[in-house]
């Protein structure tokens, strides 16, 4: 079974390893294509740096992002290839999955963001699923981001305090 795993700068992709190991333990041949997508530079930035400098910068960032996952897959004995693409994230994930003839796209995700939930914004796996017919599997794990831990709770507490003050002022 061939999996495409998008890998970013966070450790979310590492959560997919348990899924891969479980599939491999059932005797299924597992092939993994790791994908790191680097953003395209805007026209102004492109004029300030040479193409070679931009490519070197992207290669360094991509190598750093893929390092942890490649180490873990090597230790687990899972066959993999790493790719780096440049461009819009969702489009590059969908296009690469189709080009690599992936059976599934595995996306490691952090706990759902309360902000995204409140604003009803689609998550990365949902946006990828809308672009391709290849099944997208979200592998949850990790812990909430520090910004979620502090700002969301502080924001909710602040709104409650403000509402209480407004109610007290009206009476």
N, C-alpha and C. Protein backbone atom coordinates (compact mmCIF):
# COMPACT_ATOMS: atom_id res chain seq x y z
N UNK A 1 0.86 -1.17 0.00
CA UNK A 1 0.00 0.00 0.00
C UNK A 1 0.90 1.23 0.00
N UNK A 2 0.62 2.19 -0.85
CA UNK A 2 1.43 3.39 -0.96
C UNK A 2 0.72 4.55 -0.27
N UNK A 3 1.44 5.19 0.64
CA UNK A 3 0.92 6.32 1.40
C UNK A 3 1.68 7.58 1.04
N UNK A 4 0.97 8.69 0.97
CA UNK A 4 1.60 10.00 0.87
C UNK A 4 1.42 10.68 2.21
N UNK A 5 2.52 11.17 2.78
CA UNK A 5 2.45 11.85 4.07
C UNK A 5 3.04 13.24 3.92
N UNK A 6 2.19 14.27 4.02
CA UNK A 6 2.72 15.64 4.01
C UNK A 6 3.45 15.92 5.32
N UNK A 7 4.65 16.46 5.21
CA UNK A 7 5.48 16.73 6.39
C UNK A 7 5.79 18.22 6.42
N UNK A 8 5.45 18.86 7.53
CA UNK A 8 5.75 20.28 7.70
C UNK A 8 6.79 20.48 8.77
N UNK A 9 6.85 21.68 9.31
CA UNK A 9 7.85 21.98 10.33
C UNK A 9 7.45 21.48 11.71
N UNK A 10 6.19 21.12 11.90
CA UNK A 10 5.77 20.58 13.21
C UNK A 10 6.01 19.07 13.24
N UNK A 11 5.80 18.48 14.40
CA UNK A 11 5.99 17.04 14.55
C UNK A 11 4.70 16.25 14.33
N UNK A 12 3.69 16.87 13.76
CA UNK A 12 2.39 16.21 13.57
C UNK A 12 2.49 14.97 12.70
N UNK A 13 3.37 14.97 11.71
CA UNK A 13 3.49 13.82 10.80
C UNK A 13 4.01 12.58 11.53
N UNK A 14 4.73 12.77 12.63
CA UNK A 14 5.26 11.62 13.38
C UNK A 14 4.15 10.74 13.93
N UNK A 15 2.96 11.31 14.09
CA UNK A 15 1.82 10.55 14.61
C UNK A 15 1.38 9.45 13.65
N UNK A 16 1.72 9.59 12.38
CA UNK A 16 1.30 8.60 11.39
C UNK A 16 2.11 7.31 11.50
N UNK A 17 3.22 7.33 12.21
CA UNK A 17 4.08 6.15 12.31
C UNK A 17 3.37 4.97 12.95
N UNK A 18 2.58 5.19 13.99
CA UNK A 18 1.87 4.09 14.63
C UNK A 18 0.90 3.44 13.66
N UNK A 19 0.25 4.24 12.83
CA UNK A 19 -0.66 3.71 11.81
C UNK A 19 0.12 2.87 10.80
N UNK A 20 1.25 3.38 10.33
CA UNK A 20 2.07 2.66 9.36
C UNK A 20 2.60 1.35 9.94
N UNK A 21 3.06 1.39 11.18
CA UNK A 21 3.58 0.19 11.82
C UNK A 21 2.49 -0.86 12.01
N UNK A 22 1.28 -0.42 12.33
CA UNK A 22 0.16 -1.36 12.49
C UNK A 22 -0.17 -2.03 11.17
N UNK A 23 -0.16 -1.28 10.08
CA UNK A 23 -0.44 -1.85 8.75
C UNK A 23 0.67 -2.82 8.36
N UNK A 24 1.92 -2.43 8.60
CA UNK A 24 3.06 -3.29 8.25
C UNK A 24 3.07 -4.57 9.07
N UNK A 25 2.62 -4.50 10.32
CA UNK A 25 2.60 -5.69 11.18
C UNK A 25 1.58 -6.72 10.71
N UNK A 26 0.61 -6.30 9.91
CA UNK A 26 -0.38 -7.23 9.36
C UNK A 26 0.13 -7.90 8.08
N UNK A 27 1.37 -7.62 7.70
CA UNK A 27 1.96 -8.25 6.54
C UNK A 27 1.74 -7.51 5.23
N UNK A 28 1.20 -6.31 5.29
CA UNK A 28 0.97 -5.50 4.10
C UNK A 28 2.27 -4.78 3.75
N UNK A 29 2.63 -4.81 2.46
CA UNK A 29 3.83 -4.08 2.03
C UNK A 29 3.51 -2.59 2.06
N UNK A 30 4.28 -1.84 2.83
CA UNK A 30 4.04 -0.42 3.01
C UNK A 30 5.12 0.37 2.29
N UNK A 31 4.69 1.31 1.46
CA UNK A 31 5.57 2.25 0.77
C UNK A 31 5.12 3.64 1.16
N UNK A 32 6.06 4.50 1.49
CA UNK A 32 5.72 5.85 1.94
C UNK A 32 6.41 6.88 1.05
N UNK A 33 5.65 7.88 0.66
CA UNK A 33 6.20 9.04 -0.03
C UNK A 33 6.01 10.22 0.91
N UNK A 34 7.14 10.75 1.39
CA UNK A 34 7.09 11.93 2.25
C UNK A 34 7.12 13.16 1.37
N UNK A 35 6.28 14.12 1.68
CA UNK A 35 6.20 15.33 0.87
C UNK A 35 6.33 16.56 1.75
N UNK A 36 7.28 17.41 1.40
CA UNK A 36 7.40 18.71 2.05
C UNK A 36 7.14 19.76 0.98
N UNK A 37 6.21 20.65 1.26
CA UNK A 37 5.86 21.70 0.30
C UNK A 37 6.41 23.03 0.81
N UNK A 38 7.24 23.64 -0.01
CA UNK A 38 7.82 24.94 0.30
C UNK A 38 7.04 26.02 -0.45
N UNK A 39 6.81 27.15 0.18
CA UNK A 39 6.06 28.21 -0.50
C UNK A 39 6.87 28.85 -1.62
N UNK A 40 6.18 29.32 -2.63
CA UNK A 40 6.84 30.08 -3.69
C UNK A 40 7.08 31.49 -3.16
N UNK A 41 8.19 32.08 -3.55
CA UNK A 41 8.48 33.45 -3.14
C UNK A 41 7.72 34.41 -4.04
N UNK A 42 7.33 35.55 -3.49
CA UNK A 42 6.65 36.54 -4.32
C UNK A 42 7.68 37.21 -5.24
N UNK A 43 7.19 37.97 -6.16
CA UNK A 43 8.04 38.56 -7.19
C UNK A 43 9.14 39.45 -6.60
N UNK A 44 8.82 40.22 -5.58
CA UNK A 44 9.82 41.11 -4.98
C UNK A 44 10.95 40.33 -4.33
N UNK A 45 10.59 39.31 -3.58
CA UNK A 45 11.63 38.49 -2.94
C UNK A 45 12.46 37.77 -3.98
N UNK A 46 11.85 37.37 -5.05
CA UNK A 46 12.57 36.66 -6.11
C UNK A 46 13.61 37.57 -6.77
N UNK A 47 13.32 38.84 -6.83
CA UNK A 47 14.29 39.76 -7.44
C UNK A 47 15.47 40.04 -6.51
N UNK A 48 15.28 39.89 -5.21
CA UNK A 48 16.35 40.20 -4.25
C UNK A 48 17.35 39.05 -4.07
N UNK A 49 16.95 37.85 -4.41
CA UNK A 49 17.84 36.69 -4.22
C UNK A 49 17.91 35.89 -5.52
N UNK A 50 19.07 35.31 -5.76
CA UNK A 50 19.24 34.52 -6.98
C UNK A 50 18.44 33.23 -6.87
N UNK A 51 18.21 32.61 -8.00
CA UNK A 51 17.47 31.34 -8.03
C UNK A 51 18.21 30.28 -7.21
N UNK A 52 19.54 30.25 -7.33
CA UNK A 52 20.35 29.28 -6.58
C UNK A 52 20.20 29.50 -5.08
N UNK A 53 20.18 30.76 -4.64
CA UNK A 53 20.03 31.06 -3.21
C UNK A 53 18.65 30.65 -2.71
N UNK A 54 17.63 30.91 -3.52
CA UNK A 54 16.27 30.51 -3.13
C UNK A 54 16.15 28.99 -3.05
N UNK A 55 16.72 28.28 -4.04
CA UNK A 55 16.68 26.82 -4.04
C UNK A 55 17.44 26.24 -2.85
N UNK A 56 18.57 26.84 -2.51
CA UNK A 56 19.36 26.39 -1.35
C UNK A 56 18.56 26.60 -0.06
N UNK A 57 17.91 27.74 0.06
CA UNK A 57 17.10 28.04 1.23
C UNK A 57 15.96 27.03 1.38
N UNK A 58 15.27 26.75 0.27
CA UNK A 58 14.18 25.77 0.31
C UNK A 58 14.70 24.38 0.67
N UNK A 59 15.85 24.00 0.10
CA UNK A 59 16.42 22.68 0.38
C UNK A 59 16.78 22.53 1.86
N UNK A 60 17.34 23.57 2.45
CA UNK A 60 17.68 23.53 3.88
C UNK A 60 16.43 23.38 4.73
N UNK A 61 15.40 24.19 4.44
CA UNK A 61 14.15 24.12 5.21
C UNK A 61 13.47 22.77 5.03
N UNK A 62 13.48 22.25 3.82
CA UNK A 62 12.85 20.96 3.55
C UNK A 62 13.59 19.84 4.26
N UNK A 63 14.92 19.88 4.19
CA UNK A 63 15.73 18.86 4.86
C UNK A 63 15.49 18.84 6.36
N UNK A 64 15.39 20.03 6.95
CA UNK A 64 15.13 20.12 8.38
C UNK A 64 13.75 19.58 8.73
N UNK A 65 12.77 19.88 7.89
CA UNK A 65 11.40 19.41 8.15
C UNK A 65 11.29 17.89 8.02
N UNK A 66 12.00 17.31 7.06
CA UNK A 66 11.89 15.88 6.79
C UNK A 66 12.80 15.02 7.69
N UNK A 67 13.79 15.62 8.34
CA UNK A 67 14.81 14.87 9.07
C UNK A 67 14.23 13.92 10.12
N UNK A 68 13.33 14.42 10.97
CA UNK A 68 12.78 13.58 12.03
C UNK A 68 12.00 12.39 11.50
N UNK A 69 11.21 12.64 10.49
CA UNK A 69 10.38 11.57 9.91
C UNK A 69 11.24 10.54 9.20
N UNK A 70 12.24 10.97 8.45
CA UNK A 70 13.10 10.01 7.75
C UNK A 70 13.89 9.15 8.74
N UNK A 71 14.34 9.76 9.82
CA UNK A 71 15.04 8.99 10.87
C UNK A 71 14.14 7.92 11.45
N UNK A 72 12.93 8.30 11.79
CA UNK A 72 11.99 7.35 12.43
C UNK A 72 11.58 6.24 11.47
N UNK A 73 11.34 6.58 10.20
CA UNK A 73 10.97 5.54 9.22
C UNK A 73 12.13 4.57 8.98
N UNK A 74 13.35 5.09 8.95
CA UNK A 74 14.52 4.23 8.78
C UNK A 74 14.65 3.26 9.95
N UNK A 75 14.47 3.77 11.17
CA UNK A 75 14.54 2.90 12.36
C UNK A 75 13.44 1.84 12.35
N UNK A 76 12.27 2.21 11.84
CA UNK A 76 11.15 1.27 11.81
C UNK A 76 11.27 0.28 10.65
N UNK A 77 12.20 0.52 9.73
CA UNK A 77 12.39 -0.39 8.59
C UNK A 77 11.31 -0.26 7.53
N UNK A 78 10.72 0.92 7.43
CA UNK A 78 9.66 1.16 6.45
C UNK A 78 10.27 1.85 5.23
N UNK A 79 9.97 1.31 4.06
CA UNK A 79 10.49 1.84 2.80
C UNK A 79 9.86 3.20 2.51
N UNK A 80 10.70 4.20 2.19
CA UNK A 80 10.17 5.54 1.92
C UNK A 80 11.02 6.28 0.90
N UNK A 81 10.40 7.32 0.32
CA UNK A 81 11.06 8.29 -0.54
C UNK A 81 10.62 9.66 -0.08
N UNK A 82 11.51 10.64 -0.21
CA UNK A 82 11.16 12.00 0.19
C UNK A 82 11.15 12.90 -1.04
N UNK A 83 10.17 13.78 -1.08
CA UNK A 83 10.03 14.74 -2.18
C UNK A 83 9.82 16.13 -1.61
N UNK A 84 10.29 17.11 -2.35
CA UNK A 84 10.04 18.50 -2.02
C UNK A 84 9.38 19.15 -3.22
N UNK A 85 8.30 19.84 -2.98
CA UNK A 85 7.58 20.57 -4.03
C UNK A 85 7.49 22.03 -3.63
N UNK A 86 7.24 22.87 -4.60
CA UNK A 86 7.10 24.31 -4.35
C UNK A 86 5.76 24.76 -4.91
N UNK A 87 5.03 25.53 -4.11
CA UNK A 87 3.76 26.07 -4.59
C UNK A 87 2.70 26.04 -3.51
N UNK A 88 1.43 26.19 -3.90
CA UNK A 88 0.32 26.18 -2.93
C UNK A 88 0.20 24.79 -2.29
N UNK A 89 0.10 24.76 -0.97
CA UNK A 89 0.14 23.52 -0.20
C UNK A 89 -0.91 22.49 -0.64
N UNK A 90 -2.15 22.85 -0.64
CA UNK A 90 -3.23 21.91 -0.93
C UNK A 90 -3.10 21.37 -2.35
N UNK A 91 -2.85 22.24 -3.30
CA UNK A 91 -2.71 21.81 -4.70
C UNK A 91 -1.54 20.86 -4.88
N UNK A 92 -0.41 21.15 -4.23
CA UNK A 92 0.77 20.30 -4.37
C UNK A 92 0.56 18.93 -3.73
N UNK A 93 -0.13 18.89 -2.60
CA UNK A 93 -0.40 17.60 -1.96
C UNK A 93 -1.28 16.74 -2.86
N UNK A 94 -2.36 17.33 -3.37
CA UNK A 94 -3.27 16.58 -4.24
C UNK A 94 -2.58 16.13 -5.52
N UNK A 95 -1.84 17.01 -6.15
CA UNK A 95 -1.16 16.67 -7.42
C UNK A 95 -0.10 15.59 -7.21
N UNK A 96 0.65 15.69 -6.13
CA UNK A 96 1.69 14.69 -5.85
C UNK A 96 1.08 13.34 -5.53
N UNK A 97 0.00 13.32 -4.78
CA UNK A 97 -0.67 12.06 -4.46
C UNK A 97 -1.14 11.37 -5.73
N UNK A 98 -1.68 12.14 -6.65
CA UNK A 98 -2.14 11.55 -7.91
C UNK A 98 -0.97 11.11 -8.78
N UNK A 99 0.10 11.91 -8.83
CA UNK A 99 1.28 11.56 -9.63
C UNK A 99 1.98 10.32 -9.09
N UNK A 100 2.00 10.17 -7.78
CA UNK A 100 2.66 9.02 -7.14
C UNK A 100 1.74 7.81 -7.06
N UNK A 101 0.51 7.95 -7.49
CA UNK A 101 -0.48 6.87 -7.45
C UNK A 101 -0.65 6.34 -6.02
N UNK A 102 -0.80 7.27 -5.08
CA UNK A 102 -0.95 6.91 -3.67
C UNK A 102 -2.31 6.27 -3.42
N UNK A 103 -2.33 5.30 -2.52
CA UNK A 103 -3.58 4.66 -2.12
C UNK A 103 -4.30 5.48 -1.06
N UNK A 104 -3.51 6.15 -0.21
CA UNK A 104 -4.09 6.99 0.85
C UNK A 104 -3.15 8.16 1.13
N UNK A 105 -3.74 9.23 1.61
CA UNK A 105 -2.96 10.36 2.11
C UNK A 105 -3.14 10.37 3.61
N UNK A 106 -2.04 10.23 4.35
CA UNK A 106 -2.09 10.24 5.82
C UNK A 106 -1.66 11.62 6.30
N UNK A 107 -2.49 12.25 7.09
CA UNK A 107 -2.18 13.59 7.60
C UNK A 107 -2.22 13.54 9.11
N UNK A 108 -1.06 13.79 9.74
CA UNK A 108 -1.01 13.90 11.19
C UNK A 108 -1.55 15.25 11.59
N UNK A 109 -2.51 15.25 12.49
CA UNK A 109 -3.14 16.50 12.90
C UNK A 109 -3.09 16.67 14.41
N UNK A 110 -2.95 17.91 14.83
CA UNK A 110 -3.02 18.25 16.25
C UNK A 110 -4.49 18.27 16.65
N UNK A 111 -4.77 18.35 17.93
CA UNK A 111 -6.18 18.46 18.34
C UNK A 111 -6.85 19.62 17.62
N UNK A 112 -8.13 19.48 17.31
CA UNK A 112 -8.80 20.54 16.55
C UNK A 112 -8.75 21.88 17.27
N UNK A 113 -8.45 22.90 16.51
CA UNK A 113 -8.37 24.25 17.04
C UNK A 113 -9.77 24.77 17.34
N UNK A 114 -9.93 25.34 18.53
CA UNK A 114 -11.23 25.92 18.88
C UNK A 114 -11.54 27.11 17.98
N UNK A 115 -10.51 27.85 17.59
CA UNK A 115 -10.73 28.99 16.69
C UNK A 115 -11.28 28.51 15.36
N UNK A 116 -10.67 27.46 14.81
CA UNK A 116 -11.17 26.94 13.53
C UNK A 116 -12.59 26.40 13.68
N UNK A 117 -12.83 25.76 14.82
CA UNK A 117 -14.17 25.22 15.06
C UNK A 117 -15.20 26.34 15.13
N UNK A 118 -14.89 27.40 15.86
CA UNK A 118 -15.82 28.51 16.00
C UNK A 118 -16.04 29.23 14.67
N UNK A 119 -14.99 29.35 13.88
CA UNK A 119 -15.10 30.06 12.61
C UNK A 119 -15.57 29.15 11.48
N UNK A 120 -15.72 27.87 11.77
CA UNK A 120 -16.18 26.86 10.81
C UNK A 120 -15.28 26.82 9.57
N UNK A 121 -13.95 26.91 9.79
CA UNK A 121 -13.00 26.82 8.69
C UNK A 121 -12.61 25.36 8.49
N UNK A 122 -12.50 24.90 7.25
CA UNK A 122 -12.12 23.50 7.02
C UNK A 122 -10.67 23.26 7.40
N UNK A 123 -10.40 22.06 7.88
CA UNK A 123 -9.03 21.69 8.25
C UNK A 123 -8.25 21.31 7.01
N UNK A 124 -6.95 21.11 7.17
CA UNK A 124 -6.10 20.71 6.05
C UNK A 124 -6.58 19.41 5.41
N UNK A 125 -6.86 18.35 6.19
CA UNK A 125 -7.35 17.13 5.56
C UNK A 125 -8.66 17.33 4.78
N UNK A 126 -9.55 18.15 5.30
CA UNK A 126 -10.81 18.42 4.59
C UNK A 126 -10.55 19.14 3.28
N UNK A 127 -9.64 20.11 3.28
CA UNK A 127 -9.34 20.85 2.05
C UNK A 127 -8.66 19.95 1.02
N UNK A 128 -7.77 19.05 1.48
CA UNK A 128 -7.11 18.12 0.55
C UNK A 128 -8.14 17.16 -0.03
N UNK A 129 -9.05 16.66 0.80
CA UNK A 129 -10.07 15.71 0.34
C UNK A 129 -10.96 16.33 -0.73
N UNK A 130 -11.19 17.63 -0.65
CA UNK A 130 -12.00 18.30 -1.66
C UNK A 130 -11.29 18.40 -3.01
N UNK A 131 -9.96 18.31 -3.01
CA UNK A 131 -9.16 18.47 -4.23
C UNK A 131 -8.85 17.16 -4.95
N UNK A 132 -9.01 16.02 -4.27
CA UNK A 132 -8.60 14.76 -4.87
C UNK A 132 -9.58 13.65 -4.51
N UNK A 133 -9.58 12.61 -5.32
CA UNK A 133 -10.43 11.46 -5.05
C UNK A 133 -9.73 10.40 -4.19
N UNK A 134 -8.48 10.65 -3.84
CA UNK A 134 -7.71 9.71 -3.02
C UNK A 134 -8.15 9.87 -1.56
N UNK A 135 -8.41 8.75 -0.86
CA UNK A 135 -8.85 8.86 0.54
C UNK A 135 -7.82 9.58 1.40
N UNK A 136 -8.30 10.48 2.25
CA UNK A 136 -7.46 11.23 3.17
C UNK A 136 -7.79 10.76 4.59
N UNK A 137 -6.77 10.33 5.31
CA UNK A 137 -6.96 9.83 6.67
C UNK A 137 -6.26 10.78 7.63
N UNK A 138 -7.01 11.30 8.60
CA UNK A 138 -6.43 12.16 9.64
C UNK A 138 -5.99 11.28 10.79
N UNK A 139 -4.76 11.45 11.22
CA UNK A 139 -4.24 10.70 12.35
C UNK A 139 -4.06 11.70 13.49
N UNK A 140 -4.99 11.67 14.47
CA UNK A 140 -4.93 12.67 15.55
C UNK A 140 -3.86 12.33 16.57
N UNK A 141 -3.48 13.34 17.30
CA UNK A 141 -2.50 13.15 18.37
C UNK A 141 -1.93 14.48 18.79
N UNK A 142 -0.90 14.41 19.58
CA UNK A 142 -0.24 15.64 20.02
C UNK A 142 -1.04 16.35 21.09
N UNK A 143 -0.57 17.52 21.40
CA UNK A 143 -1.26 18.31 22.41
C UNK A 143 -1.65 19.65 21.80
N UNK A 144 -2.50 20.34 22.51
CA UNK A 144 -2.95 21.62 21.98
C UNK A 144 -1.80 22.61 21.93
N UNK A 145 -1.88 23.51 21.00
CA UNK A 145 -0.84 24.52 20.85
C UNK A 145 -0.88 25.49 22.03
N UNK A 146 0.28 26.06 22.40
CA UNK A 146 0.29 27.01 23.53
C UNK A 146 -0.67 28.17 23.31
N UNK A 147 -0.81 28.62 22.07
CA UNK A 147 -1.73 29.74 21.80
C UNK A 147 -3.16 29.34 22.13
N UNK A 148 -3.51 28.07 21.86
CA UNK A 148 -4.85 27.59 22.20
C UNK A 148 -5.01 27.54 23.72
N UNK A 149 -3.96 27.07 24.39
CA UNK A 149 -4.03 26.87 25.82
C UNK A 149 -4.25 28.19 26.56
N UNK A 150 -3.57 29.25 26.12
CA UNK A 150 -3.62 30.50 26.86
C UNK A 150 -4.57 31.53 26.26
N UNK A 151 -4.43 31.80 24.98
CA UNK A 151 -5.23 32.87 24.39
C UNK A 151 -6.70 32.55 24.29
N UNK A 152 -7.04 31.32 23.92
CA UNK A 152 -8.45 30.98 23.80
C UNK A 152 -9.12 31.05 25.16
N UNK A 153 -8.48 30.47 26.15
CA UNK A 153 -9.08 30.50 27.49
C UNK A 153 -9.13 31.92 28.03
N UNK A 154 -8.06 32.67 27.82
CA UNK A 154 -8.05 34.06 28.29
C UNK A 154 -9.10 34.87 27.54
N UNK A 155 -9.27 34.60 26.25
CA UNK A 155 -10.28 35.30 25.46
C UNK A 155 -11.67 35.02 25.95
N UNK A 156 -11.95 33.76 26.25
CA UNK A 156 -13.27 33.37 26.76
C UNK A 156 -13.50 34.00 28.13
N UNK A 157 -12.48 33.97 28.98
CA UNK A 157 -12.60 34.58 30.31
C UNK A 157 -12.82 36.09 30.18
N UNK A 158 -12.11 36.73 29.25
CA UNK A 158 -12.27 38.17 29.03
C UNK A 158 -13.65 38.53 28.56
N UNK A 159 -14.21 37.74 27.66
CA UNK A 159 -15.56 37.98 27.16
C UNK A 159 -16.58 37.82 28.28
N UNK A 160 -16.38 36.79 29.11
CA UNK A 160 -17.30 36.58 30.24
C UNK A 160 -17.23 37.74 31.22
N UNK A 161 -16.01 38.23 31.50
CA UNK A 161 -15.84 39.36 32.40
C UNK A 161 -16.50 40.61 31.82
N UNK A 162 -16.29 40.86 30.54
CA UNK A 162 -16.89 42.02 29.88
C UNK A 162 -18.41 41.93 29.91
N UNK A 163 -18.96 40.75 29.64
CA UNK A 163 -20.41 40.58 29.69
C UNK A 163 -20.94 40.85 31.10
N UNK A 164 -20.21 40.36 32.10
CA UNK A 164 -20.62 40.61 33.49
C UNK A 164 -20.60 42.08 33.84
N UNK A 165 -19.57 42.78 33.38
CA UNK A 165 -19.49 44.22 33.64
C UNK A 165 -20.62 44.99 32.94
N UNK A 166 -20.91 44.60 31.71
CA UNK A 166 -22.00 45.26 30.99
C UNK A 166 -23.35 45.02 31.64
N UNK A 167 -23.57 43.80 32.11
CA UNK A 167 -24.82 43.49 32.81
C UNK A 167 -24.94 44.28 34.11
N UNK A 168 -23.81 44.38 34.83
CA UNK A 168 -23.82 45.13 36.10
C UNK A 168 -24.05 46.62 35.84
N UNK A 169 -23.51 47.15 34.74
CA UNK A 169 -23.67 48.57 34.43
C UNK A 169 -25.10 48.89 34.03
N UNK A 170 -25.80 47.93 33.42
CA UNK A 170 -27.19 48.16 32.98
C UNK A 170 -28.19 48.07 34.13
N UNK A 171 -27.78 47.56 35.25
CA UNK A 171 -28.75 47.41 36.36
C UNK A 171 -28.75 48.57 37.29
